[in-house]
């Protein structure tokens, strides 16, 4: 990852993943369901999944080859 926001986002998302896994083992859940964590817990756990989705999107953006603009003659 390049320096700046992208690298900080990756570090934050991976740290959040580690925290989510530990919390999931302590509370015996990883996939959020309203009936086992309540609506407030569901809203909180969805954030972790959104950040992981952002991590996948960031990887796709960085993996794309750079495009060279075509100049009109």
C-alpha atoms as a PDB file:
ATOM      1  CA  UNK A   1       0.000   0.000   0.000  1.00  0.00           C
ATOM      2  CA  UNK A   2       1.179   3.512  -0.665  1.00  0.00           C
ATOM      3  CA  UNK A   3       1.915   5.846   2.221  1.00  0.00           C
ATOM      4  CA  UNK A   4      -0.890   7.935   3.672  1.00  0.00           C
ATOM      5  CA  UNK A   5      -4.575   7.151   3.970  1.00  0.00           C
ATOM      6  CA  UNK A   6      -4.467   3.782   2.194  1.00  0.00           C
ATOM      7  CA  UNK A   7      -1.852   2.325   4.532  1.00  0.00           C
ATOM      8  CA  UNK A   8      -3.547   3.751   7.621  1.00  0.00           C
ATOM      9  CA  UNK A   9      -6.888   2.298   6.491  1.00  0.00           C
ATOM     10  CA  UNK A  10      -5.351  -1.148   6.038  1.00  0.00           C
ATOM     11  CA  UNK A  11      -3.753  -1.028   9.494  1.00  0.00           C
ATOM     12  CA  UNK A  12      -7.013   0.133  11.050  1.00  0.00           C
ATOM     13  CA  UNK A  13      -9.117  -2.492   9.258  1.00  0.00           C
ATOM     14  CA  UNK A  14      -6.737  -5.310  10.213  1.00  0.00           C
ATOM     15  CA  UNK A  15      -6.670  -4.116  13.819  1.00  0.00           C
ATOM     16  CA  UNK A  16     -10.453  -3.996  13.769  1.00  0.00           C
ATOM     17  CA  UNK A  17     -10.536  -7.535  12.370  1.00  0.00           C
ATOM     18  CA  UNK A  18      -8.332  -8.757  15.221  1.00  0.00           C
ATOM     19  CA  UNK A  19     -10.580  -7.036  17.760  1.00  0.00           C
ATOM     20  CA  UNK A  20     -13.703  -8.422  16.109  1.00  0.00           C
ATOM     21  CA  UNK A  21     -12.326 -11.962  16.210  1.00  0.00           C
ATOM     22  CA  UNK A  22     -11.454 -11.671  19.899  1.00  0.00           C
ATOM     23  CA  UNK A  23     -14.844 -10.159  20.707  1.00  0.00           C
ATOM     24  CA  UNK A  24     -16.522 -12.863  18.631  1.00  0.00           C
ATOM     25  CA  UNK A  25     -14.798 -15.595  20.601  1.00  0.00           C
ATOM     26  CA  UNK A  26     -15.720 -13.968  23.902  1.00  0.00           C
ATOM     27  CA  UNK A  27     -19.346 -13.398  22.974  1.00  0.00           C
ATOM     28  CA  UNK A  28     -19.702 -16.557  20.845  1.00  0.00           C
ATOM     29  CA  UNK A  29     -20.750 -14.788  17.638  1.00  0.00           C
ATOM     30  CA  UNK A  30     -19.063 -13.539  14.481  1.00  0.00           C
ATOM     31  CA  UNK A  31     -21.903 -13.004  12.049  1.00  0.00           C
ATOM     32  CA  UNK A  32     -24.329 -10.351  13.327  1.00  0.00           C
ATOM     33  CA  UNK A  33     -27.919 -11.365  13.923  1.00  0.00           C
ATOM     34  CA  UNK A  34     -30.472  -9.109  15.573  1.00  0.00           C
ATOM     35  CA  UNK A  35     -31.908 -11.949  17.652  1.00  0.00           C
ATOM     36  CA  UNK A  36     -28.637 -12.755  19.449  1.00  0.00           C
ATOM     37  CA  UNK A  37     -26.996  -9.322  19.942  1.00  0.00           C
ATOM     38  CA  UNK A  38     -29.965  -6.963  19.758  1.00  0.00           C
ATOM     39  CA  UNK A  39     -30.395  -4.034  17.411  1.00  0.00           C
ATOM     40  CA  UNK A  40     -27.614  -1.944  18.998  1.00  0.00           C
ATOM     41  CA  UNK A  41     -25.160  -4.863  18.788  1.00  0.00           C
ATOM     42  CA  UNK A  42     -26.176  -5.518  15.200  1.00  0.00           C
ATOM     43  CA  UNK A  43     -25.469  -1.900  14.219  1.00  0.00           C
ATOM     44  CA  UNK A  44     -22.078  -2.050  15.910  1.00  0.00           C
ATOM     45  CA  UNK A  45     -21.029  -5.343  14.321  1.00  0.00           C
ATOM     46  CA  UNK A  46     -22.092  -4.243  10.844  1.00  0.00           C
ATOM     47  CA  UNK A  47     -19.422  -1.525  10.992  1.00  0.00           C
ATOM     48  CA  UNK A  48     -16.695  -4.166  11.207  1.00  0.00           C
ATOM     49  CA  UNK A  49     -18.036  -5.881   8.098  1.00  0.00           C
ATOM     50  CA  UNK A  50     -18.241  -2.552   6.252  1.00  0.00           C
ATOM     51  CA  UNK A  51     -14.609  -1.773   7.059  1.00  0.00           C
ATOM     52  CA  UNK A  52     -13.564  -5.221   5.803  1.00  0.00           C
ATOM     53  CA  UNK A  53     -15.506  -4.590   2.600  1.00  0.00           C
ATOM     54  CA  UNK A  54     -13.648  -1.293   2.264  1.00  0.00           C
ATOM     55  CA  UNK A  55     -10.397  -3.219   2.649  1.00  0.00           C
ATOM     56  CA  UNK A  56     -11.348  -5.473  -0.267  1.00  0.00           C
ATOM     57  CA  UNK A  57     -12.315  -2.432  -2.359  1.00  0.00           C
ATOM     58  CA  UNK A  58      -9.014  -0.724  -1.498  1.00  0.00           C
ATOM     59  CA  UNK A  59      -7.106  -3.825  -2.630  1.00  0.00           C
ATOM     60  CA  UNK A  60      -8.984  -3.843  -5.939  1.00  0.00           C
ATOM     61  CA  UNK A  61      -8.240  -0.166  -6.561  1.00  0.00           C
ATOM     62  CA  UNK A  62      -4.536  -0.566  -5.779  1.00  0.00           C
ATOM     63  CA  UNK A  63      -4.249  -3.767  -7.873  1.00  0.00           C
ATOM     64  CA  UNK A  64      -5.548  -2.080 -11.046  1.00  0.00           C
ATOM     65  CA  UNK A  65      -2.854  -1.174 -13.554  1.00  0.00           C
ATOM     66  CA  UNK A  66      -2.434   2.574 -13.943  1.00  0.00           C
ATOM     67  CA  UNK A  67      -4.227   4.011 -16.936  1.00  0.00           C
ATOM     68  CA  UNK A  68      -2.448   6.342 -19.302  1.00  0.00           C
ATOM     69  CA  UNK A  69      -4.608   9.157 -20.632  1.00  0.00           C
ATOM     70  CA  UNK A  70      -4.929   9.184 -24.416  1.00  0.00           C
ATOM     71  CA  UNK A  71      -4.256  12.546 -26.009  1.00  0.00           C
ATOM     72  CA  UNK A  72      -6.399  13.704 -28.903  1.00  0.00           C
ATOM     73  CA  UNK A  73      -4.414  14.610 -32.070  1.00  0.00           C
END
